[in-house]
Protein backbone atom coordinates (compact mmCIF):
# COMPACT_ATOMS: atom_id res chain seq x y z
CA MET A 1 0.00 0.00 0.00
CA LYS A 2 1.25 3.52 -0.81
CA SER A 3 2.51 5.72 1.99
CA ALA A 4 -0.19 7.95 3.44
CA VAL A 5 -0.08 11.66 2.70
CA VAL A 6 0.66 14.12 5.48
CA LEU A 7 -2.60 14.76 7.31
CA PRO A 8 -3.68 17.69 9.48
CA ALA A 9 -3.64 16.85 13.18
CA VAL A 10 -7.06 15.97 14.53
CA THR A 11 -8.04 14.85 18.00
CA ALA A 12 -9.72 11.71 19.25
CA GLN A 13 -13.48 12.00 19.75
CA ILE A 14 -16.01 10.47 22.11
CA GLY A 15 -19.63 9.96 21.08
CA PHE A 16 -22.65 10.01 23.38
CA GLY A 17 -25.86 8.53 21.99
CA GLN A 18 -27.97 5.40 21.64
CA VAL A 19 -27.93 1.79 20.52
CA ARG A 20 -31.25 0.74 18.96
CA HIS A 21 -32.36 -2.76 18.00
CA THR A 22 -35.69 -4.02 16.66
CA ARG A 23 -36.55 -7.62 15.78
CA HIS A 24 -39.78 -7.99 13.81
CA ARG A 25 -40.40 -11.77 13.67
CA PRO A 26 -41.77 -14.11 14.97
CA GLN A 27 -42.52 -11.76 17.86
CA ARG A 28 -41.43 -8.16 18.03
CA ASN A 29 -38.58 -7.39 20.41
CA ALA A 30 -37.16 -3.87 20.59
CA PHE A 31 -34.88 -1.90 22.85
CA ALA A 32 -32.84 1.29 22.96
CA TYR A 33 -29.96 1.90 25.37
CA PRO A 34 -27.85 4.98 26.05
CA THR A 35 -24.20 4.46 25.17
CA TYR A 36 -20.90 6.11 24.45
CA PHE A 37 -18.07 5.12 22.13
CA LEU A 38 -14.72 6.27 20.82
CA MET A 39 -14.08 7.75 17.37
CA LEU A 40 -10.32 7.61 16.86
CA PRO A 41 -8.30 9.21 14.01
CA MET A 42 -5.81 6.37 13.83
CA ARG A 43 -3.28 7.96 11.49
CA SER A 44 -3.24 11.22 13.44
CA LEU A 45 -2.75 9.25 16.64
CA ARG A 46 0.18 7.44 15.06
CA ALA A 47 1.77 10.71 13.94
CA ASN A 48 1.01 12.92 16.93
CA GLY A 49 0.58 10.64 19.92
CA PRO A 50 -2.49 9.56 21.89
CA GLY A 51 -3.27 12.88 23.58
CA TYR A 52 -5.81 12.25 26.33
CA LEU A 53 -6.35 8.65 25.19
CA ALA A 54 -4.91 5.92 27.41
CA ARG A 55 -3.56 3.65 24.70
CA ASN A 56 -2.23 0.17 25.42
CA ARG A 57 -1.99 0.84 29.15
CA ARG A 58 -4.16 0.44 32.20
CA ALA A 59 -6.71 3.15 32.88
CA ALA A 60 -10.35 3.50 33.84
CA LEU A 61 -11.09 4.13 30.14
CA SER A 62 -8.57 2.94 27.56
CA PHE A 63 -7.98 1.64 24.05
CA HIS A 64 -5.89 -1.45 23.28
CA ASP A 65 -4.74 -2.28 19.75
CA THR A 66 -4.76 -5.99 20.53
CA ASP A 67 -8.56 -5.89 20.83
CA HIS A 68 -8.76 -5.54 17.03
CA GLY A 69 -7.76 -7.33 13.86
CA ASP A 70 -5.41 -10.26 14.34
CA GLY A 71 -4.42 -9.14 17.84
CA ARG A 72 -1.12 -7.47 16.92
CA SER A 73 0.21 -4.48 18.81
CA ASP A 74 -0.43 -2.09 15.88
CA SER A 75 -4.03 -2.42 14.71
CA LEU A 76 -3.64 0.35 12.12
CA GLN A 77 -0.83 -1.55 10.41
CA TRP A 78 -3.08 -4.63 10.33
CA LEU A 79 -5.85 -2.59 8.71
CA GLU A 80 -3.53 -1.02 6.14
CA ASN A 81 -2.15 -4.45 5.23
CA LEU A 82 -5.68 -5.79 4.83
CA LEU A 83 -6.67 -2.94 2.52
CA GLY A 84 -3.62 -3.57 0.39
CA GLN A 85 -4.42 -7.28 0.14
CA HIS A 86 -7.82 -6.35 -1.28
CA GLY A 87 -6.50 -3.87 -3.83
CA ILE A 88 -7.51 -0.73 -1.93
CA ASP A 89 -4.39 1.40 -2.27
CA ASP A 90 -5.94 4.86 -2.50
CA ALA A 91 -7.23 5.20 1.08
CA GLN A 92 -4.49 7.71 1.89
CA GLY A 93 -6.55 10.02 4.09
CA GLU A 94 -7.59 9.66 7.70
CA ILE A 95 -8.79 6.31 9.04
CA TRP A 96 -11.35 6.75 11.79
CA LEU A 97 -12.11 3.85 14.11
CA HIS A 98 -15.56 3.79 15.75
CA THR A 99 -15.29 1.37 18.67
CA TYR A 100 -16.04 0.75 22.32
CA PRO A 101 -13.22 1.39 24.80
CA ARG A 102 -12.08 -0.83 27.59
CA VAL A 103 -13.71 0.31 30.82
CA LEU A 104 -12.07 -0.78 34.07
CA GLY A 105 -10.01 -3.20 31.99
CA TYR A 106 -12.98 -4.94 30.31
CA SER A 107 -14.36 -4.60 26.81
CA PHE A 108 -16.71 -6.41 24.50
CA LYS A 109 -17.06 -4.92 21.01
CA PRO A 110 -20.06 -6.33 19.11
CA VAL A 111 -19.03 -4.32 16.05
CA SER A 112 -16.38 -1.72 15.29
CA PHE A 113 -16.24 0.37 12.11
CA TRP A 114 -13.05 1.45 10.33
CA TYR A 115 -13.84 4.46 8.09
CA CYS A 116 -11.08 4.71 5.47
CA HIS A 117 -10.88 7.98 3.52
CA ARG A 118 -9.07 9.16 0.43
CA ALA A 119 -6.61 12.03 0.61
CA ASP A 120 -9.39 14.44 -0.45
CA GLY A 121 -11.54 13.35 2.52
CA THR A 122 -14.06 11.26 0.58
CA LEU A 123 -14.97 7.81 1.90
CA ARG A 124 -13.05 4.98 0.19
CA ALA A 125 -13.92 1.90 2.26
CA VAL A 126 -15.51 0.79 5.53
CA LEU A 127 -14.47 -2.32 7.41
CA ALA A 128 -17.10 -3.65 9.83
CA GLU A 129 -15.29 -5.78 12.42
CA VAL A 130 -17.74 -8.10 14.17
CA ASN A 131 -17.22 -10.11 17.38
CA ASN A 132 -19.61 -12.71 18.75
CA THR A 133 -19.94 -13.91 22.33
CA PHE A 134 -18.13 -17.17 21.44
CA GLY A 135 -14.78 -15.41 21.04
CA GLU A 136 -14.86 -15.34 17.24
CA ARG A 137 -14.27 -12.38 14.91
CA HIS A 138 -15.11 -11.67 11.28
CA CYS A 139 -14.86 -8.62 9.01
CA TYR A 140 -17.09 -7.27 6.24
CA LEU A 141 -15.21 -5.05 3.77
CA LEU A 142 -17.39 -2.47 2.06
CA ASP A 143 -15.60 -1.19 -1.03
CA ALA A 144 -16.40 2.34 -2.27
CA PRO A 145 -19.41 3.09 -0.04
CA ARG A 146 -20.87 6.57 0.25
CA TYR A 147 -22.27 8.30 3.27
CA GLY A 148 -26.05 8.08 3.28
CA GLU A 149 -26.22 5.34 0.61
CA PRO A 150 -26.75 1.64 1.44
CA CYS A 151 -24.44 -1.21 0.53
CA GLU A 152 -24.76 -4.92 1.20
CA ALA A 153 -22.74 -7.96 2.22
CA ALA A 154 -23.75 -11.61 2.52
CA LYS A 155 -24.10 -12.78 6.11
CA VAL A 156 -21.54 -15.56 6.67
CA PHE A 157 -20.72 -15.21 10.38
CA HIS A 158 -22.69 -16.44 13.41
CA VAL A 159 -23.59 -13.62 15.77
CA SER A 160 -26.83 -14.47 17.57
CA PRO A 161 -28.14 -18.00 18.22
CA PHE A 162 -31.57 -16.61 17.32
CA CYS A 163 -30.60 -15.72 13.74
CA PRO A 164 -29.50 -18.10 10.97
CA VAL A 165 -26.24 -17.71 9.05
CA ARG A 166 -27.80 -16.80 5.72
CA GLY A 167 -29.19 -13.77 3.94
CA ARG A 168 -27.57 -10.36 3.79
CA TYR A 169 -26.75 -7.22 5.71
CA ARG A 170 -27.57 -3.74 4.52
CA PHE A 171 -25.28 -1.01 5.87
CA VAL A 172 -25.93 2.73 5.89
CA PHE A 173 -23.46 5.24 7.37
CA MET A 174 -24.21 8.90 8.01
CA ARG A 175 -22.00 11.75 9.23
CA THR A 176 -22.97 15.35 9.89
CA LEU A 177 -20.69 18.19 10.98
CA SER A 178 -23.22 20.92 11.80
CA PRO A 179 -24.90 22.14 13.87
CA SER A 180 -22.93 19.57 15.89
CA PRO A 181 -20.84 16.56 14.79
CA ARG A 182 -22.90 13.37 14.72
CA THR A 183 -22.46 9.84 13.38
CA VAL A 184 -24.92 7.05 12.60
CA ALA A 185 -24.12 3.46 11.65
CA ARG A 186 -27.16 1.39 10.69
CA ILE A 187 -27.26 -2.35 9.89
CA ASP A 188 -30.44 -4.08 8.70
CA TYR A 189 -30.52 -7.87 8.41
CA PHE A 190 -32.58 -9.69 5.76
CA ASP A 191 -32.80 -13.44 6.34
CA ALA A 192 -34.55 -14.44 3.09
CA PRO A 193 -34.79 -13.09 -0.50
CA GLY A 194 -37.75 -10.78 -0.93
CA ALA A 195 -38.53 -10.69 2.80
CA ASP A 196 -38.71 -7.56 4.91
CA ALA A 197 -35.88 -6.97 7.34
CA LEU A 198 -35.76 -9.34 10.30
CA LEU A 199 -33.62 -6.91 12.30
CA ASN A 200 -33.01 -3.17 12.29
CA THR A 201 -30.05 -2.02 14.35
CA SER A 202 -28.17 1.23 14.74
CA VAL A 203 -25.70 3.08 16.90
CA SER A 204 -25.67 6.85 16.79
CA GLY A 205 -24.27 9.71 18.78
CA HIS A 206 -23.03 13.26 19.01
CA LEU A 207 -19.26 13.67 18.92
CA GLU A 208 -17.05 15.85 21.08
CA PRO A 209 -13.31 15.97 21.74
CA LEU A 210 -11.89 13.31 24.05
CA THR A 211 -10.69 15.26 27.08
CA THR A 212 -10.36 14.62 30.79
CA ALA A 213 -13.78 16.26 31.22
CA SER A 214 -15.54 14.12 28.59
CA ILE A 215 -13.86 10.96 29.91
CA ARG A 216 -15.00 11.83 33.43
CA ARG A 217 -18.52 12.45 32.18
CA ALA A 218 -18.60 9.06 30.41
CA LEU A 219 -17.32 7.18 33.45
CA TRP A 220 -19.66 8.91 35.90
CA SER A 221 -22.69 8.55 33.62
CA TYR A 222 -22.03 4.88 32.70
CA PRO A 223 -19.50 3.46 35.18
CA ALA A 224 -19.78 -0.13 33.91
CA MET A 225 -20.74 0.50 30.29
CA THR A 226 -18.86 -2.34 28.60
CA ILE A 227 -19.91 -4.87 31.22
CA GLY A 228 -23.43 -3.62 30.59
CA VAL A 229 -23.05 -4.34 26.86
CA ILE A 230 -22.50 -8.06 27.41
CA ALA A 231 -25.10 -8.21 30.21
CA ARG A 232 -27.74 -6.66 27.96
CA ILE A 233 -26.90 -9.04 25.12
CA HIS A 234 -27.59 -12.01 27.39
CA TRP A 235 -30.72 -10.40 28.84
CA GLN A 236 -32.17 -9.86 25.37
CA ALA A 237 -31.24 -13.44 24.44
CA LEU A 238 -33.19 -14.64 27.46
CA ARG A 239 -36.20 -12.59 26.36
CA LEU A 240 -36.05 -14.15 22.90
CA TRP A 241 -35.81 -17.62 24.45
CA PHE A 242 -38.98 -17.03 26.44
CA LYS A 243 -40.66 -15.69 23.30
CA ARG A 244 -39.75 -18.99 21.58
CA ALA A 245 -37.67 -17.43 18.83
CA PRO A 246 -36.00 -20.06 16.60
CA PHE A 247 -32.65 -21.24 17.98
CA PHE A 248 -29.60 -21.96 15.80
CA ARG A 249 -26.49 -23.72 17.10
CA LEU A 250 -22.99 -22.36 16.53
CA PRO A 251 -21.80 -23.39 13.03
CA PRO A 252 -18.16 -23.57 11.91
CA ALA A 253 -16.54 -20.19 11.40
CA PRO A 254 -16.22 -19.00 7.77
CA GLY A 255 -13.03 -20.03 5.99
CA ASP A 256 -12.13 -16.45 5.02
CA PHE A 257 -11.58 -13.77 7.66
CA VAL A 258 -12.96 -11.02 5.40
CA THR A 259 -16.19 -10.98 3.38
CA PRO A 260 -16.40 -8.31 0.64
CA ALA A 261 -19.51 -6.27 -0.11
CA LEU A 262 -22.05 -7.61 -2.58
CA ARG A 263 -22.98 -4.40 -4.33
CA ALA A 264 -24.41 -0.94 -3.88
CA VAL A 265 -28.19 -0.84 -3.61
CA PRO A 266 -30.85 1.84 -4.19
CA PRO A 267 -31.28 4.34 -1.37
CA VAL A 268 -33.47 3.21 1.50
CA THR A 269 -36.85 4.86 1.88
CA THR A 270 -37.11 4.48 5.66
CA GLU A 271 -36.21 7.36 7.92
CA PRO A 272 -32.86 7.29 9.78
CA PRO A 273 -32.93 6.66 13.53
CA PRO A 274 -34.31 9.59 15.52
CA GLU A 275 -31.91 12.13 16.95
CA PRO A 276 -30.66 10.74 20.28
CA SER A 277 -31.02 12.91 23.34
CA ARG A 278 -27.85 13.89 25.14
CA PRO A 279 -27.40 11.93 28.37
């Protein structure tokens, strides 16, 4: 992969918002939880240092490279190598990582998003890095997506025992800069051709600089946030069990670590998730 161009220094961000999830069949199950997450300019962090971010060290709120990719100590290098292996050599701009931090040393990251930009700031690729509760990881590489326009990938990785490994995901990413910075990542799951979505999920939030004040606010507002992520996953699984949702056992992991996008699709007609209230 070509060497990245010199980028202006930008700071790490923290987002405060909501996770939303709606299952439509066979019984409806919906929830929305307040959350926060990191939005990290990985190339700026490499060039200019971590700033207020506790990186690869113990802290109440921290980020560890080994929580991503193949577990190496430099997750950005892993990502750049992966892009090169898939012929994406023009993502020379900033690479933003949307992910959960470690909180009090613990983290579970259901999905992280690597937003890879060209030197002119346009979006070149998105890598959706998915973890399940069985300790497995898989990536969906979305080549040449655009903000606000959907793209699809075949579902090949087991996430929930209440969903089969078949069908397709539809991804939509949105970013706004004014009146305040905000990000939305939406994933809809279609389990059969021609069927309506089985699941609608999204994570959204307003972004602000990562500072000692914003870190303190996150920790005081949600002192056990990442433990709560895994606890809520199991609580919702229990609700689906009692609702007699179909159960699917863990299949073998896919042979390839990365699944490429299927194609771009026509714009969705549904409205984006509502504006989250600030916690």
